[in-house]
């Protein structure tokens, strides 16, 4: 298992589709980021700084299990435009951030 972040398109659209999508669609400016440390919060300055290296972050949402209130280890990051989101997918993939969002191994 790896501790590197996983960055990909929210709802798995491909780059060419995203570039021709309606300009107002925030879904196409939103990037899924997995392997976020379980203690990470939306207010975490290191996490925000990492995402902001790519460009201005409009919204950072770390997903929490409603029943347990525990973080699930992934987030959605909304950027100001499609071009910044494209750059985020390219630049954030495989960044080592001491992740740990995934489930444990077994065997």
N, C-alpha and C. Protein backbone atom coordinates (compact mmCIF):
# COMPACT_ATOMS: atom_id res chain seq x y z
N UNK A 1 0.84 -1.18 0.00
CA UNK A 1 0.00 0.00 0.00
C UNK A 1 0.88 1.24 0.00
N UNK A 2 0.35 2.33 -0.45
CA UNK A 2 1.13 3.56 -0.60
C UNK A 2 0.54 4.67 0.25
N UNK A 3 1.38 5.63 0.61
CA UNK A 3 0.91 6.79 1.37
C UNK A 3 0.71 7.99 0.47
N UNK A 4 0.89 7.81 -0.83
CA UNK A 4 0.78 8.94 -1.75
C UNK A 4 -0.68 9.30 -1.99
N UNK A 5 -0.92 10.59 -2.21
CA UNK A 5 -2.27 11.05 -2.53
C UNK A 5 -2.70 10.49 -3.87
N UNK A 6 -3.98 10.35 -4.03
CA UNK A 6 -4.57 9.95 -5.29
C UNK A 6 -5.44 11.11 -5.74
N UNK A 7 -5.20 11.63 -6.93
CA UNK A 7 -6.01 12.74 -7.44
C UNK A 7 -6.61 12.33 -8.78
N UNK A 8 -7.90 12.50 -8.90
CA UNK A 8 -8.57 12.18 -10.17
C UNK A 8 -9.83 13.03 -10.27
N UNK A 9 -10.43 12.98 -11.45
CA UNK A 9 -11.63 13.77 -11.67
C UNK A 9 -12.77 13.27 -10.82
N UNK A 10 -13.50 14.20 -10.23
CA UNK A 10 -14.75 13.87 -9.56
C UNK A 10 -15.70 13.37 -10.63
N UNK A 11 -16.38 12.31 -10.40
CA UNK A 11 -17.30 11.62 -11.30
C UNK A 11 -16.63 11.14 -12.58
N UNK A 12 -15.30 11.00 -12.56
CA UNK A 12 -14.54 10.33 -13.62
C UNK A 12 -14.76 10.84 -15.03
N UNK A 13 -14.89 12.15 -15.22
CA UNK A 13 -14.93 12.69 -16.58
C UNK A 13 -13.51 12.81 -17.09
N UNK A 14 -13.35 12.72 -18.38
CA UNK A 14 -12.01 12.85 -18.95
C UNK A 14 -11.71 14.31 -19.24
N UNK A 15 -10.44 14.63 -19.39
CA UNK A 15 -10.04 16.02 -19.64
C UNK A 15 -10.74 16.66 -20.83
N UNK A 16 -10.75 16.01 -22.01
CA UNK A 16 -11.39 16.68 -23.16
C UNK A 16 -12.85 17.03 -22.89
N UNK A 17 -13.59 16.13 -22.24
CA UNK A 17 -14.99 16.42 -21.93
C UNK A 17 -15.08 17.61 -20.98
N UNK A 18 -14.19 17.66 -20.01
CA UNK A 18 -14.27 18.72 -19.01
C UNK A 18 -14.02 20.09 -19.64
N UNK A 19 -13.16 20.13 -20.63
CA UNK A 19 -12.83 21.42 -21.24
C UNK A 19 -13.98 21.96 -22.09
N UNK A 20 -14.85 21.07 -22.58
CA UNK A 20 -15.95 21.53 -23.42
C UNK A 20 -17.26 21.64 -22.63
N UNK A 21 -17.20 21.37 -21.35
CA UNK A 21 -18.40 21.38 -20.52
C UNK A 21 -18.86 22.81 -20.25
N UNK A 22 -20.09 22.97 -19.81
CA UNK A 22 -20.57 24.31 -19.47
C UNK A 22 -19.65 24.96 -18.45
N UNK A 23 -19.34 26.22 -18.68
CA UNK A 23 -18.35 26.92 -17.85
C UNK A 23 -18.78 27.02 -16.40
N UNK A 24 -20.08 27.05 -16.14
CA UNK A 24 -20.55 27.22 -14.78
C UNK A 24 -20.59 25.95 -13.95
N UNK A 25 -20.26 24.81 -14.52
CA UNK A 25 -20.37 23.55 -13.81
C UNK A 25 -19.23 23.37 -12.82
N UNK A 26 -19.55 23.39 -11.51
CA UNK A 26 -18.49 23.22 -10.52
C UNK A 26 -18.03 21.78 -10.44
N UNK A 27 -18.82 20.85 -10.92
CA UNK A 27 -18.43 19.45 -10.90
C UNK A 27 -17.15 19.23 -11.71
N UNK A 28 -16.97 20.03 -12.74
CA UNK A 28 -15.81 19.87 -13.61
C UNK A 28 -14.62 20.69 -13.14
N UNK A 29 -14.80 21.40 -12.03
CA UNK A 29 -13.67 22.08 -11.40
C UNK A 29 -13.30 21.37 -10.10
N UNK A 30 -13.98 20.25 -9.82
CA UNK A 30 -13.80 19.54 -8.56
C UNK A 30 -12.98 18.29 -8.76
N UNK A 31 -11.98 18.12 -7.90
CA UNK A 31 -11.06 17.00 -7.99
C UNK A 31 -11.22 16.12 -6.75
N UNK A 32 -11.31 14.81 -6.98
CA UNK A 32 -11.32 13.84 -5.88
C UNK A 32 -9.88 13.61 -5.45
N UNK A 33 -9.61 13.68 -4.16
CA UNK A 33 -8.27 13.40 -3.64
C UNK A 33 -8.39 12.32 -2.58
N UNK A 34 -7.76 11.19 -2.82
CA UNK A 34 -7.79 10.08 -1.88
C UNK A 34 -6.49 9.98 -1.10
N UNK A 35 -6.50 9.10 -0.09
CA UNK A 35 -5.33 8.87 0.76
C UNK A 35 -4.98 10.07 1.63
N UNK A 36 -6.00 10.82 2.03
CA UNK A 36 -5.78 11.95 2.94
C UNK A 36 -5.60 11.37 4.34
N UNK A 37 -4.65 11.88 5.11
CA UNK A 37 -4.49 11.38 6.48
C UNK A 37 -5.80 11.46 7.25
N UNK A 38 -6.09 10.43 8.03
CA UNK A 38 -7.36 10.36 8.74
C UNK A 38 -7.57 11.53 9.71
N UNK A 39 -6.47 12.12 10.17
CA UNK A 39 -6.61 13.26 11.09
C UNK A 39 -6.76 14.59 10.34
N UNK A 40 -6.67 14.56 9.01
CA UNK A 40 -6.77 15.78 8.21
C UNK A 40 -8.15 16.41 8.31
N UNK A 41 -8.18 17.74 8.40
CA UNK A 41 -9.45 18.47 8.44
C UNK A 41 -9.43 19.55 7.37
N UNK A 42 -10.59 20.08 7.08
CA UNK A 42 -10.69 21.14 6.07
C UNK A 42 -9.97 22.41 6.52
N UNK A 43 -9.70 22.52 7.82
CA UNK A 43 -9.01 23.69 8.34
C UNK A 43 -7.50 23.47 8.46
N UNK A 44 -7.04 22.26 8.14
CA UNK A 44 -5.62 21.92 8.27
C UNK A 44 -4.79 22.81 7.34
N UNK A 45 -3.93 23.68 7.89
CA UNK A 45 -3.17 24.61 7.04
C UNK A 45 -2.22 23.90 6.06
N UNK A 46 -1.64 22.78 6.47
CA UNK A 46 -0.74 22.05 5.57
C UNK A 46 -1.50 21.48 4.38
N UNK A 47 -2.66 20.92 4.65
CA UNK A 47 -3.48 20.33 3.59
C UNK A 47 -3.96 21.42 2.64
N UNK A 48 -4.45 22.53 3.18
CA UNK A 48 -4.90 23.64 2.35
C UNK A 48 -3.75 24.20 1.51
N UNK A 49 -2.57 24.31 2.12
CA UNK A 49 -1.41 24.84 1.41
C UNK A 49 -1.02 23.92 0.26
N UNK A 50 -1.10 22.61 0.49
CA UNK A 50 -0.77 21.64 -0.57
C UNK A 50 -1.69 21.84 -1.77
N UNK A 51 -3.00 21.91 -1.52
CA UNK A 51 -3.95 22.06 -2.62
C UNK A 51 -3.82 23.43 -3.27
N UNK A 52 -3.50 24.46 -2.50
CA UNK A 52 -3.38 25.82 -3.02
C UNK A 52 -2.11 26.02 -3.85
N UNK A 53 -1.14 25.10 -3.76
CA UNK A 53 0.05 25.20 -4.60
C UNK A 53 -0.32 25.16 -6.08
N UNK A 54 -1.40 24.47 -6.39
CA UNK A 54 -1.85 24.34 -7.78
C UNK A 54 -2.58 25.60 -8.22
N UNK A 55 -3.37 26.19 -7.33
CA UNK A 55 -4.15 27.38 -7.65
C UNK A 55 -5.16 27.64 -6.54
N UNK A 56 -5.90 28.73 -6.65
CA UNK A 56 -6.85 29.09 -5.60
C UNK A 56 -7.92 28.02 -5.37
N UNK A 57 -8.12 27.65 -4.12
CA UNK A 57 -9.12 26.66 -3.73
C UNK A 57 -10.40 27.39 -3.37
N UNK A 58 -11.50 27.02 -4.03
CA UNK A 58 -12.80 27.61 -3.74
C UNK A 58 -13.41 26.90 -2.53
N UNK A 59 -13.28 25.56 -2.50
CA UNK A 59 -13.91 24.79 -1.45
C UNK A 59 -13.13 23.50 -1.23
N UNK A 60 -12.96 23.14 0.03
CA UNK A 60 -12.33 21.88 0.40
C UNK A 60 -13.30 21.14 1.30
N UNK A 61 -13.70 19.95 0.86
CA UNK A 61 -14.66 19.16 1.65
C UNK A 61 -14.07 17.80 1.95
N UNK A 62 -13.77 17.56 3.22
CA UNK A 62 -13.27 16.26 3.65
C UNK A 62 -14.48 15.43 4.06
N UNK A 63 -14.60 14.25 3.48
CA UNK A 63 -15.79 13.43 3.67
C UNK A 63 -15.74 12.70 5.01
N UNK A 64 -16.88 12.76 5.73
CA UNK A 64 -17.01 12.18 7.06
C UNK A 64 -18.18 11.20 7.05
N UNK A 65 -18.00 10.08 7.73
CA UNK A 65 -19.08 9.11 7.88
C UNK A 65 -20.12 9.71 8.83
N UNK A 66 -21.35 9.81 8.37
CA UNK A 66 -22.39 10.45 9.18
C UNK A 66 -22.69 9.68 10.46
N UNK A 67 -22.62 8.37 10.41
CA UNK A 67 -22.94 7.55 11.58
C UNK A 67 -21.87 7.64 12.66
N UNK A 68 -20.60 7.55 12.25
CA UNK A 68 -19.51 7.50 13.23
C UNK A 68 -18.80 8.83 13.42
N UNK A 69 -19.02 9.77 12.50
CA UNK A 69 -18.34 11.07 12.50
C UNK A 69 -16.84 10.95 12.28
N UNK A 70 -16.40 9.80 11.77
CA UNK A 70 -14.98 9.60 11.46
C UNK A 70 -14.73 9.98 10.02
N UNK A 71 -13.55 10.53 9.77
CA UNK A 71 -13.17 10.89 8.41
C UNK A 71 -12.94 9.62 7.59
N UNK A 72 -13.27 9.71 6.31
CA UNK A 72 -13.15 8.54 5.43
C UNK A 72 -11.84 8.50 4.67
N UNK A 73 -11.00 9.54 4.79
CA UNK A 73 -9.69 9.51 4.14
C UNK A 73 -9.67 10.04 2.72
N UNK A 74 -10.74 10.74 2.31
CA UNK A 74 -10.71 11.37 1.00
C UNK A 74 -11.46 12.70 1.04
N UNK A 75 -11.23 13.49 0.00
CA UNK A 75 -11.81 14.83 -0.03
C UNK A 75 -12.15 15.22 -1.46
N UNK A 76 -12.92 16.28 -1.58
CA UNK A 76 -13.21 16.91 -2.86
C UNK A 76 -12.69 18.34 -2.78
N UNK A 77 -11.88 18.72 -3.75
CA UNK A 77 -11.29 20.05 -3.78
C UNK A 77 -11.84 20.76 -5.02
N UNK A 78 -12.51 21.89 -4.80
CA UNK A 78 -13.04 22.67 -5.92
C UNK A 78 -12.11 23.84 -6.19
N UNK A 79 -11.71 23.96 -7.45
CA UNK A 79 -10.82 25.04 -7.88
C UNK A 79 -11.60 26.10 -8.64
N UNK A 80 -10.94 27.23 -8.94
CA UNK A 80 -11.62 28.36 -9.56
C UNK A 80 -12.04 28.10 -11.01
N UNK A 81 -11.31 27.22 -11.71
CA UNK A 81 -11.65 26.97 -13.10
C UNK A 81 -11.17 25.58 -13.52
N UNK A 82 -11.58 25.18 -14.72
CA UNK A 82 -11.24 23.85 -15.23
C UNK A 82 -9.74 23.67 -15.40
N UNK A 83 -9.06 24.69 -15.89
CA UNK A 83 -7.62 24.57 -16.14
C UNK A 83 -6.86 24.29 -14.85
N UNK A 84 -7.27 24.92 -13.76
CA UNK A 84 -6.62 24.68 -12.48
C UNK A 84 -6.90 23.27 -12.00
N UNK A 85 -8.13 22.80 -12.21
CA UNK A 85 -8.48 21.42 -11.82
C UNK A 85 -7.67 20.41 -12.62
N UNK A 86 -7.48 20.67 -13.91
CA UNK A 86 -6.65 19.79 -14.75
C UNK A 86 -5.24 19.74 -14.18
N UNK A 87 -4.69 20.90 -13.83
CA UNK A 87 -3.34 20.96 -13.27
C UNK A 87 -3.28 20.20 -11.94
N UNK A 88 -4.34 20.30 -11.13
CA UNK A 88 -4.37 19.61 -9.84
C UNK A 88 -4.32 18.10 -10.02
N UNK A 89 -5.09 17.59 -10.98
CA UNK A 89 -5.09 16.15 -11.23
C UNK A 89 -3.68 15.69 -11.62
N UNK A 90 -3.02 16.49 -12.44
CA UNK A 90 -1.67 16.12 -12.88
C UNK A 90 -0.64 16.26 -11.76
N UNK A 91 -0.73 17.35 -10.99
CA UNK A 91 0.31 17.65 -10.00
C UNK A 91 0.13 16.96 -8.66
N UNK A 92 -1.11 16.65 -8.28
CA UNK A 92 -1.34 16.06 -6.96
C UNK A 92 -1.29 14.54 -6.95
N UNK A 93 -1.39 13.93 -8.13
CA UNK A 93 -1.33 12.47 -8.18
C UNK A 93 0.03 12.02 -7.68
N UNK A 94 0.04 11.07 -6.77
CA UNK A 94 1.26 10.47 -6.23
C UNK A 94 2.11 11.40 -5.39
N UNK A 95 1.54 12.48 -4.86
CA UNK A 95 2.27 13.34 -3.93
C UNK A 95 2.29 12.63 -2.58
N UNK A 96 3.44 12.55 -1.95
CA UNK A 96 3.54 11.92 -0.64
C UNK A 96 3.13 12.92 0.42
N UNK A 97 2.00 12.67 1.08
CA UNK A 97 1.53 13.56 2.13
C UNK A 97 1.31 12.78 3.43
N UNK A 98 1.98 11.65 3.55
CA UNK A 98 1.79 10.84 4.76
C UNK A 98 0.38 10.35 4.89
N UNK A 99 -0.20 9.92 3.78
CA UNK A 99 -1.59 9.50 3.73
C UNK A 99 -1.93 8.44 4.74
N UNK A 100 -2.98 7.76 4.53
CA UNK A 100 -3.42 6.76 5.48
C UNK A 100 -4.92 6.70 5.48
N UNK A 101 -5.51 7.19 4.42
CA UNK A 101 -6.95 7.19 4.35
C UNK A 101 -7.53 5.85 3.98
N UNK A 102 -6.75 5.00 3.34
CA UNK A 102 -7.28 3.74 2.88
C UNK A 102 -7.43 2.75 4.00
N UNK A 103 -8.16 1.68 3.73
CA UNK A 103 -8.34 0.63 4.72
C UNK A 103 -7.04 -0.14 4.91
N UNK A 104 -6.95 -0.83 6.02
CA UNK A 104 -5.74 -1.59 6.32
C UNK A 104 -5.62 -2.82 5.46
N UNK A 105 -4.45 -3.39 5.44
CA UNK A 105 -4.23 -4.61 4.68
C UNK A 105 -4.81 -5.79 5.42
N UNK A 106 -4.78 -6.89 4.80
CA UNK A 106 -5.28 -8.11 5.42
C UNK A 106 -4.69 -9.29 4.70
N UNK A 107 -4.89 -10.43 5.25
CA UNK A 107 -4.32 -11.50 4.49
C UNK A 107 -4.49 -12.74 5.15
